[in-house]
Protein backbone atom coordinates (compact mmCIF):
# COMPACT_ATOMS: atom_id res chain seq x y z
CA MET A 1 19.22 -0.31 10.36
CA ASN A 2 18.11 -2.45 13.31
CA PHE A 3 20.93 -3.74 15.50
CA ALA A 4 18.66 -5.37 18.06
CA TYR A 5 18.92 -9.11 18.75
CA SER A 6 16.16 -11.25 17.23
CA ASP A 7 13.81 -13.13 19.53
CA ASP A 8 15.61 -16.44 18.74
CA GLN A 9 18.95 -14.92 19.64
CA LYS A 10 17.57 -13.56 22.88
CA ALA A 11 16.07 -16.99 23.66
CA LEU A 12 19.45 -18.63 22.99
CA SER A 13 21.22 -16.32 25.38
CA GLU A 14 18.54 -16.76 28.02
CA LEU A 15 18.75 -20.56 27.77
CA ALA A 16 22.47 -20.56 28.27
CA ARG A 17 22.23 -18.03 31.07
CA LYS A 18 19.66 -20.17 32.90
CA ILE A 19 21.77 -23.39 32.64
CA LEU A 20 24.92 -21.59 33.82
CA ALA A 21 23.11 -19.79 36.61
CA ASP A 22 21.84 -23.10 37.94
CA LYS A 23 25.11 -24.96 37.62
CA ALA A 24 28.06 -22.57 37.68
CA THR A 25 27.87 -21.47 41.25
CA HIS A 26 30.75 -19.79 43.01
CA GLU A 27 31.37 -22.82 45.17
CA ARG A 28 31.26 -25.18 42.23
CA ILE A 29 33.58 -23.12 40.12
CA GLY A 30 36.09 -22.80 42.92
CA ALA A 31 36.11 -26.58 43.51
CA ILE A 32 36.51 -27.26 39.74
CA GLU A 33 39.43 -24.82 39.33
CA LYS A 34 41.21 -26.69 42.10
CA SER A 35 40.75 -30.03 40.30
CA GLU A 36 43.39 -31.59 38.07
CA SER A 37 41.38 -31.10 34.91
CA GLY A 38 39.78 -27.69 35.66
CA PHE A 39 36.83 -28.87 33.62
CA ASP A 40 33.17 -29.20 34.65
CA GLN A 41 31.81 -32.21 32.79
CA GLU A 42 28.32 -31.79 34.25
CA ILE A 43 27.92 -28.29 32.82
CA TRP A 44 29.41 -29.43 29.53
CA ALA A 45 26.76 -32.22 29.41
CA GLU A 46 23.86 -29.82 30.20
CA LEU A 47 24.99 -27.52 27.42
CA ALA A 48 25.00 -30.51 25.05
CA LYS A 49 21.48 -31.58 26.19
CA ALA A 50 20.24 -28.07 25.17
CA ASN A 51 22.12 -28.44 21.86
CA LEU A 52 24.12 -25.29 22.70
CA LEU A 53 27.37 -27.05 21.75
CA GLY A 54 25.87 -27.60 18.26
CA ALA A 55 24.13 -24.31 17.89
CA CYS A 56 26.59 -22.98 15.30
CA LEU A 57 27.57 -26.33 13.70
CA PRO A 58 26.03 -27.75 10.52
CA GLU A 59 22.60 -29.29 10.73
CA GLU A 60 23.82 -32.39 8.79
CA PHE A 61 25.81 -33.37 11.88
CA GLY A 62 23.15 -32.69 14.37
CA GLY A 63 23.74 -28.99 14.92
CA SER A 64 21.49 -25.95 14.44
CA GLY A 65 23.37 -24.27 11.68
CA LEU A 66 23.42 -20.89 13.35
CA GLY A 67 26.08 -18.11 12.82
CA MET A 68 28.97 -16.34 14.35
CA LEU A 69 26.72 -13.81 16.20
CA GLU A 70 25.09 -16.69 18.04
CA LEU A 71 28.52 -18.12 18.91
CA TRP A 72 29.55 -14.78 20.40
CA LEU A 73 26.27 -14.61 22.37
CA LEU A 74 27.05 -17.98 23.79
CA LEU A 75 30.64 -17.00 24.60
CA GLU A 76 29.27 -13.98 26.34
CA GLU A 77 27.20 -16.05 28.69
CA ILE A 78 30.04 -18.53 29.27
CA GLY A 79 32.33 -15.60 30.21
CA ARG A 80 29.65 -13.92 32.38
CA ALA A 81 29.41 -17.11 34.45
CA VAL A 82 33.17 -17.77 34.36
CA ALA A 83 32.11 -21.29 33.52
CA PRO A 84 35.02 -23.80 33.59
CA VAL A 85 34.23 -25.41 30.26
CA PRO A 86 36.31 -25.50 27.02
CA PHE A 87 33.64 -23.77 24.93
CA TRP A 88 36.06 -21.30 23.15
CA ALA A 89 38.64 -23.95 22.63
CA THR A 90 36.33 -26.60 21.26
CA LEU A 91 33.98 -24.52 19.15
CA ALA A 92 35.85 -21.52 18.01
CA LEU A 93 39.31 -22.99 17.71
CA GLY A 94 38.46 -26.59 16.78
CA ALA A 95 34.97 -27.41 15.54
CA LEU A 96 34.15 -24.37 13.44
CA PRO A 97 37.41 -24.48 11.38
CA ILE A 98 36.84 -28.30 10.91
CA ALA A 99 33.34 -27.60 9.75
CA GLU A 100 34.60 -24.96 7.30
CA PHE A 101 37.87 -26.54 6.06
CA GLY A 102 37.87 -30.13 7.17
CA THR A 103 37.52 -33.22 4.94
CA ALA A 104 34.20 -35.15 4.97
CA GLN A 105 35.97 -37.77 7.03
CA GLN A 106 37.20 -35.26 9.60
CA LYS A 107 33.88 -33.66 9.94
CA ALA A 108 32.00 -36.97 10.50
CA ALA A 109 34.74 -38.04 12.96
CA CYS A 110 34.65 -34.81 15.13
CA LEU A 111 31.54 -32.81 14.89
CA PRO A 112 28.84 -35.28 16.11
CA GLY A 113 31.05 -36.02 19.11
CA VAL A 114 31.50 -32.31 19.90
CA ILE A 115 27.72 -31.80 19.73
CA ALA A 116 27.15 -34.73 21.99
CA ALA A 117 29.81 -33.50 24.48
CA GLU A 118 31.91 -36.62 23.79
CA ILE A 119 34.83 -34.86 22.08
CA ILE A 120 36.82 -31.87 23.22
CA LEU A 121 38.93 -29.98 20.67
CA SER A 122 41.33 -27.08 20.71
CA GLY A 123 43.56 -25.10 18.42
CA ALA A 124 47.34 -24.30 18.66
CA PHE A 125 47.67 -20.90 16.90
CA GLU A 126 50.13 -19.07 19.13
CA GLU A 127 53.94 -19.36 18.95
CA ALA A 128 56.54 -17.53 21.01
CA ASP A 129 58.67 -16.75 17.89
CA ALA A 130 55.92 -16.12 15.34
CA ASP A 131 53.01 -13.68 15.86
CA ASP A 132 51.00 -14.46 12.72
CA PRO A 133 49.15 -17.80 12.66
CA ALA A 134 49.18 -17.59 8.87
CA ARG A 135 53.06 -17.66 8.97
CA PRO A 136 53.86 -20.35 11.60
CA SER A 137 57.39 -21.38 12.46
CA THR A 138 56.08 -24.92 13.06
CA ARG A 139 56.92 -27.09 10.08
CA ALA A 140 55.30 -30.08 8.52
CA VAL A 141 57.09 -32.48 6.17
CA ARG A 142 55.92 -35.62 4.42
CA ASP A 143 56.69 -38.91 6.12
CA GLY A 144 55.45 -41.52 3.79
CA ALA A 145 51.63 -41.25 3.62
CA ALA A 146 51.57 -39.09 6.75
CA TRP A 147 53.07 -35.83 7.88
CA ARG A 148 55.62 -35.11 10.69
CA LEU A 149 55.29 -31.82 12.57
CA SER A 150 58.11 -30.11 14.43
CA GLY A 151 57.70 -26.97 16.54
CA THR A 152 56.37 -25.50 19.75
CA LYS A 153 52.92 -23.94 20.26
CA ILE A 154 52.06 -21.92 23.38
CA CYS A 155 48.81 -21.03 25.18
CA VAL A 156 46.86 -24.01 23.89
CA PRO A 157 43.70 -23.97 25.89
CA ALA A 158 42.26 -27.29 27.14
CA ALA A 159 45.09 -29.21 25.37
CA HIS A 160 45.30 -31.57 28.39
CA ILE A 161 41.74 -32.73 27.88
CA ALA A 162 41.41 -32.41 24.14
CA ALA A 163 41.00 -35.40 21.84
CA ARG A 164 42.48 -33.48 18.91
CA VAL A 165 44.25 -30.10 18.55
CA LEU A 166 44.13 -28.16 15.27
CA VAL A 167 47.71 -27.08 14.41
CA PRO A 168 48.70 -24.78 11.53
CA ALA A 169 52.20 -25.60 10.14
CA SER A 170 54.17 -24.46 7.17
CA VAL A 171 54.35 -27.08 4.39
CA GLY A 172 56.82 -25.22 2.21
CA GLY A 173 56.43 -22.91 -0.73
CA GLY A 174 54.78 -20.30 1.41
CA ARG A 175 51.84 -22.60 2.13
CA VAL A 176 50.25 -23.53 5.44
CA GLY A 177 48.42 -26.66 6.24
CA LEU A 178 45.99 -27.42 9.07
CA PHE A 179 46.57 -30.73 10.93
CA LEU A 180 44.55 -32.50 13.50
CA VAL A 181 47.07 -33.66 16.12
CA ASP A 182 46.49 -36.07 19.04
CA PRO A 183 48.06 -34.15 21.95
CA LYS A 184 48.81 -37.42 23.75
CA GLY A 185 50.14 -39.13 20.64
CA PRO A 186 53.79 -40.28 20.04
CA GLY A 187 56.18 -37.34 19.85
CA ALA A 188 53.81 -34.80 21.42
CA LYS A 189 54.65 -33.18 24.72
CA LEU A 190 52.45 -31.00 26.89
CA GLU A 191 53.69 -28.58 29.49
CA MET A 192 51.12 -26.84 31.69
CA GLN A 193 51.09 -23.11 31.68
CA ARG A 194 49.51 -21.10 34.53
CA ALA A 195 47.96 -17.63 34.24
CA ALA A 196 45.54 -15.41 36.11
CA SER A 197 42.71 -15.85 33.74
CA PRO A 198 40.69 -19.13 34.10
CA SER A 199 40.63 -19.47 30.31
CA ARG A 200 44.46 -19.52 30.28
CA ARG A 201 44.85 -21.64 33.37
CA SER A 202 44.37 -24.74 31.39
CA GLY A 203 46.66 -23.64 28.61
CA CYS A 204 49.63 -25.81 27.57
CA ARG A 205 52.88 -25.55 25.71
CA ALA A 206 52.55 -28.21 22.99
CA ARG A 207 55.61 -29.59 21.35
CA GLU A 208 55.62 -31.97 18.41
């Protein structure tokens, strides 16, 4: 059995590494980490130009339709460069679950914008009082045609710059729903959390 990367996979890694080597310098990273957003929009745009933000998203929305291995290769390069971009939050926690489980309307509203670096997403899967994302303490109840969520999520990466956050919540009967929440919408409250890791430094407590 051959476990070597394919030529296409190697090329993907090399492309990401070149972009990040050119842009994610120590001086630039230091300056960005001291900024209010902690987010390098220029690097994010360069990744989009190379279609790396869409590498693992469906072709029908402008992506390349690659798989999870390619996602991990890109995450490896992001981590190697300590690039201050919300790649994990947007792709792994937001866009890929939407591509897999979202409605046609949700996919059309979010995925092209992610690929074009116009939309940042995140996912709120951690809770202080529940250690299993499949059994959240956060609740969702019907409120007319909509849903009302109540609960607190912790360590939500890039929540302060995200357009939408994917939130799992119990809907009763042992079932869990996934909801796209506007983190700046009515009833939502963000509290910044600081940690040693740059990926956690932009995390937030999100209350709904």
